[in-house]
Amino acid sequence: MKRNTIVIIDRFEEDWAVLEYEGIVFNVPRALLPDDAKEGDVINIILEINRQETHKRREIIRKLEDELFE
């Protein structure tokens, strides 16, 4: 399932963007935002599980565990 969420850029503090979502304020690295993003902009955040990448990482961890406990 894909979830589309809207957040507002409240302000920038050095390398951080301060975002607001339904009254909750949180920071994200400014580098994650589009280069032309500015205070007051509304940002769409799309959240979805990358199942292929998840599977790859699990395989890597499984192999490391196998090597560690052999």
N, C-alpha and C. Protein backbone atom coordinates (compact mmCIF):
# COMPACT_ATOMS: atom_id res chain seq x y z
N MET A 1 0.84 -1.18 0.00
CA MET A 1 0.00 0.00 0.00
C MET A 1 0.88 1.24 0.00
N LYS A 2 0.53 2.19 -0.78
CA LYS A 2 1.26 3.45 -0.86
C LYS A 2 0.48 4.50 -0.10
N ARG A 3 1.18 5.32 0.67
CA ARG A 3 0.53 6.39 1.43
C ARG A 3 1.12 7.72 1.01
N ASN A 4 0.26 8.65 0.64
CA ASN A 4 0.69 9.98 0.23
C ASN A 4 0.37 10.94 1.37
N THR A 5 1.38 11.64 1.86
CA THR A 5 1.24 12.53 2.99
C THR A 5 1.70 13.93 2.60
N ILE A 6 1.00 14.94 3.09
CA ILE A 6 1.35 16.32 2.81
C ILE A 6 1.94 16.95 4.07
N VAL A 7 3.12 17.58 3.92
CA VAL A 7 3.76 18.29 5.02
C VAL A 7 4.12 19.69 4.54
N ILE A 8 4.33 20.59 5.50
CA ILE A 8 4.67 21.97 5.18
C ILE A 8 6.08 22.26 5.69
N ILE A 9 6.87 22.94 4.86
CA ILE A 9 8.19 23.37 5.31
C ILE A 9 8.00 24.59 6.19
N ASP A 10 8.28 24.44 7.46
CA ASP A 10 8.14 25.54 8.41
C ASP A 10 9.31 26.50 8.30
N ARG A 11 10.52 25.93 8.29
CA ARG A 11 11.73 26.77 8.23
C ARG A 11 12.94 25.87 7.98
N PHE A 12 14.06 26.52 7.75
CA PHE A 12 15.34 25.82 7.62
C PHE A 12 16.24 26.25 8.77
N GLU A 13 16.96 25.29 9.32
CA GLU A 13 17.95 25.54 10.36
C GLU A 13 19.23 24.83 9.94
N GLU A 14 20.16 25.60 9.41
CA GLU A 14 21.43 25.07 8.87
C GLU A 14 21.13 23.99 7.84
N ASP A 15 21.57 22.77 8.07
CA ASP A 15 21.38 21.69 7.09
C ASP A 15 20.09 20.91 7.30
N TRP A 16 19.21 21.45 8.13
CA TRP A 16 17.97 20.74 8.46
C TRP A 16 16.75 21.53 7.98
N ALA A 17 15.74 20.80 7.54
CA ALA A 17 14.44 21.39 7.23
C ALA A 17 13.51 21.01 8.38
N VAL A 18 12.79 22.00 8.88
CA VAL A 18 11.82 21.76 9.94
C VAL A 18 10.46 21.66 9.25
N LEU A 19 9.85 20.49 9.34
CA LEU A 19 8.60 20.21 8.67
C LEU A 19 7.47 20.09 9.68
N GLU A 20 6.26 20.39 9.24
CA GLU A 20 5.09 20.25 10.10
C GLU A 20 4.08 19.34 9.43
N TYR A 21 3.60 18.38 10.21
CA TYR A 21 2.58 17.44 9.75
C TYR A 21 1.51 17.33 10.83
N GLU A 22 0.34 17.84 10.56
CA GLU A 22 -0.79 17.76 11.48
C GLU A 22 -0.41 18.19 12.90
N GLY A 23 0.31 19.31 13.00
CA GLY A 23 0.69 19.84 14.31
C GLY A 23 1.95 19.24 14.90
N ILE A 24 2.49 18.22 14.26
CA ILE A 24 3.73 17.59 14.71
C ILE A 24 4.88 18.19 13.92
N VAL A 25 5.91 18.64 14.63
CA VAL A 25 7.07 19.26 13.98
C VAL A 25 8.24 18.29 14.06
N PHE A 26 8.93 18.10 12.94
CA PHE A 26 10.09 17.20 12.93
C PHE A 26 11.11 17.71 11.92
N ASN A 27 12.33 17.23 12.06
CA ASN A 27 13.45 17.65 11.21
C ASN A 27 13.82 16.55 10.24
N VAL A 28 14.19 16.96 9.05
CA VAL A 28 14.77 16.04 8.07
C VAL A 28 15.97 16.74 7.45
N PRO A 29 16.94 15.99 6.96
CA PRO A 29 18.06 16.64 6.29
C PRO A 29 17.57 17.46 5.09
N ARG A 30 18.06 18.66 5.01
CA ARG A 30 17.66 19.55 3.92
C ARG A 30 17.98 18.93 2.56
N ALA A 31 19.01 18.13 2.50
CA ALA A 31 19.42 17.49 1.24
C ALA A 31 18.35 16.56 0.67
N LEU A 32 17.39 16.13 1.49
CA LEU A 32 16.34 15.25 0.99
C LEU A 32 15.25 16.00 0.24
N LEU A 33 15.21 17.31 0.39
CA LEU A 33 14.19 18.12 -0.26
C LEU A 33 14.66 18.60 -1.64
N PRO A 34 13.73 18.96 -2.51
CA PRO A 34 14.14 19.52 -3.80
C PRO A 34 14.98 20.78 -3.58
N ASP A 35 15.91 21.02 -4.48
CA ASP A 35 16.83 22.16 -4.35
C ASP A 35 16.10 23.50 -4.25
N ASP A 36 14.96 23.63 -4.90
CA ASP A 36 14.26 24.91 -4.90
C ASP A 36 13.19 25.03 -3.81
N ALA A 37 13.17 24.09 -2.86
CA ALA A 37 12.18 24.14 -1.77
C ALA A 37 12.44 25.35 -0.88
N LYS A 38 11.32 25.96 -0.44
CA LYS A 38 11.47 27.13 0.43
C LYS A 38 10.42 27.09 1.53
N GLU A 39 10.61 27.94 2.54
CA GLU A 39 9.69 28.00 3.66
C GLU A 39 8.27 28.24 3.16
N GLY A 40 7.32 27.53 3.74
CA GLY A 40 5.92 27.66 3.36
C GLY A 40 5.49 26.71 2.27
N ASP A 41 6.44 26.09 1.57
CA ASP A 41 6.07 25.14 0.51
C ASP A 41 5.39 23.91 1.10
N VAL A 42 4.45 23.38 0.36
CA VAL A 42 3.79 22.13 0.72
C VAL A 42 4.51 21.01 -0.03
N ILE A 43 4.89 20.00 0.70
CA ILE A 43 5.66 18.89 0.14
C ILE A 43 4.82 17.62 0.18
N ASN A 44 4.77 16.88 -0.91
CA ASN A 44 4.15 15.56 -0.93
C ASN A 44 5.21 14.53 -0.55
N ILE A 45 4.90 13.71 0.42
CA ILE A 45 5.80 12.62 0.80
C ILE A 45 5.05 11.32 0.51
N ILE A 46 5.65 10.50 -0.31
CA ILE A 46 5.04 9.22 -0.66
C ILE A 46 5.81 8.13 0.06
N LEU A 47 5.09 7.38 0.88
CA LEU A 47 5.70 6.31 1.66
C LEU A 47 5.23 4.97 1.11
N GLU A 48 6.19 4.14 0.76
CA GLU A 48 5.86 2.80 0.29
C GLU A 48 7.01 1.87 0.63
N ILE A 49 6.69 0.62 0.82
CA ILE A 49 7.71 -0.38 1.13
C ILE A 49 8.38 -0.81 -0.17
N ASN A 50 9.71 -0.79 -0.17
CA ASN A 50 10.47 -1.27 -1.30
C ASN A 50 10.80 -2.74 -1.01
N ARG A 51 9.93 -3.62 -1.45
CA ARG A 51 10.05 -5.04 -1.11
C ARG A 51 11.31 -5.68 -1.71
N GLN A 52 11.69 -5.25 -2.89
CA GLN A 52 12.89 -5.81 -3.51
C GLN A 52 14.13 -5.46 -2.70
N GLU A 53 14.26 -4.21 -2.30
CA GLU A 53 15.42 -3.78 -1.51
C GLU A 53 15.39 -4.42 -0.12
N THR A 54 14.21 -4.55 0.45
CA THR A 54 14.07 -5.21 1.75
C THR A 54 14.57 -6.65 1.66
N HIS A 55 14.18 -7.34 0.61
CA HIS A 55 14.61 -8.73 0.42
C HIS A 55 16.14 -8.81 0.28
N LYS A 56 16.73 -7.91 -0.51
CA LYS A 56 18.18 -7.89 -0.70
C LYS A 56 18.90 -7.71 0.64
N ARG A 57 18.44 -6.77 1.44
CA ARG A 57 19.08 -6.49 2.73
C ARG A 57 18.95 -7.68 3.67
N ARG A 58 17.80 -8.32 3.66
CA ARG A 58 17.62 -9.51 4.51
C ARG A 58 18.57 -10.63 4.10
N GLU A 59 18.76 -10.79 2.80
CA GLU A 59 19.70 -11.82 2.31
C GLU A 59 21.13 -11.50 2.74
N ILE A 60 21.52 -10.25 2.65
CA ILE A 60 22.87 -9.84 3.07
C ILE A 60 23.06 -10.13 4.55
N ILE A 61 22.07 -9.78 5.36
CA ILE A 61 22.17 -10.02 6.81
C ILE A 61 22.22 -11.51 7.09
N ARG A 62 21.39 -12.29 6.40
CA ARG A 62 21.39 -13.74 6.60
C ARG A 62 22.75 -14.33 6.29
N LYS A 63 23.38 -13.90 5.19
CA LYS A 63 24.70 -14.40 4.83
C LYS A 63 25.75 -14.00 5.86
N LEU A 64 25.68 -12.76 6.36
CA LEU A 64 26.62 -12.33 7.40
C LEU A 64 26.45 -13.15 8.67
N GLU A 65 25.21 -13.43 9.03
CA GLU A 65 24.95 -14.26 10.22
C GLU A 65 25.50 -15.67 10.02
N ASP A 66 25.30 -16.22 8.83
CA ASP A 66 25.82 -17.56 8.54
C ASP A 66 27.34 -17.59 8.69
N GLU A 67 28.01 -16.57 8.16
CA GLU A 67 29.47 -16.49 8.25
C GLU A 67 29.93 -16.33 9.70
N LEU A 68 29.20 -15.55 10.44
CA LEU A 68 29.56 -15.28 11.83
C LEU A 68 29.41 -16.51 12.71
N PHE A 69 28.38 -17.30 12.48
CA PHE A 69 28.09 -18.43 13.35
C PHE A 69 28.52 -19.78 12.79
N GLU A 70 29.34 -19.79 11.76
CA GLU A 70 29.84 -21.06 11.21
C GLU A 70 30.92 -21.63 12.10
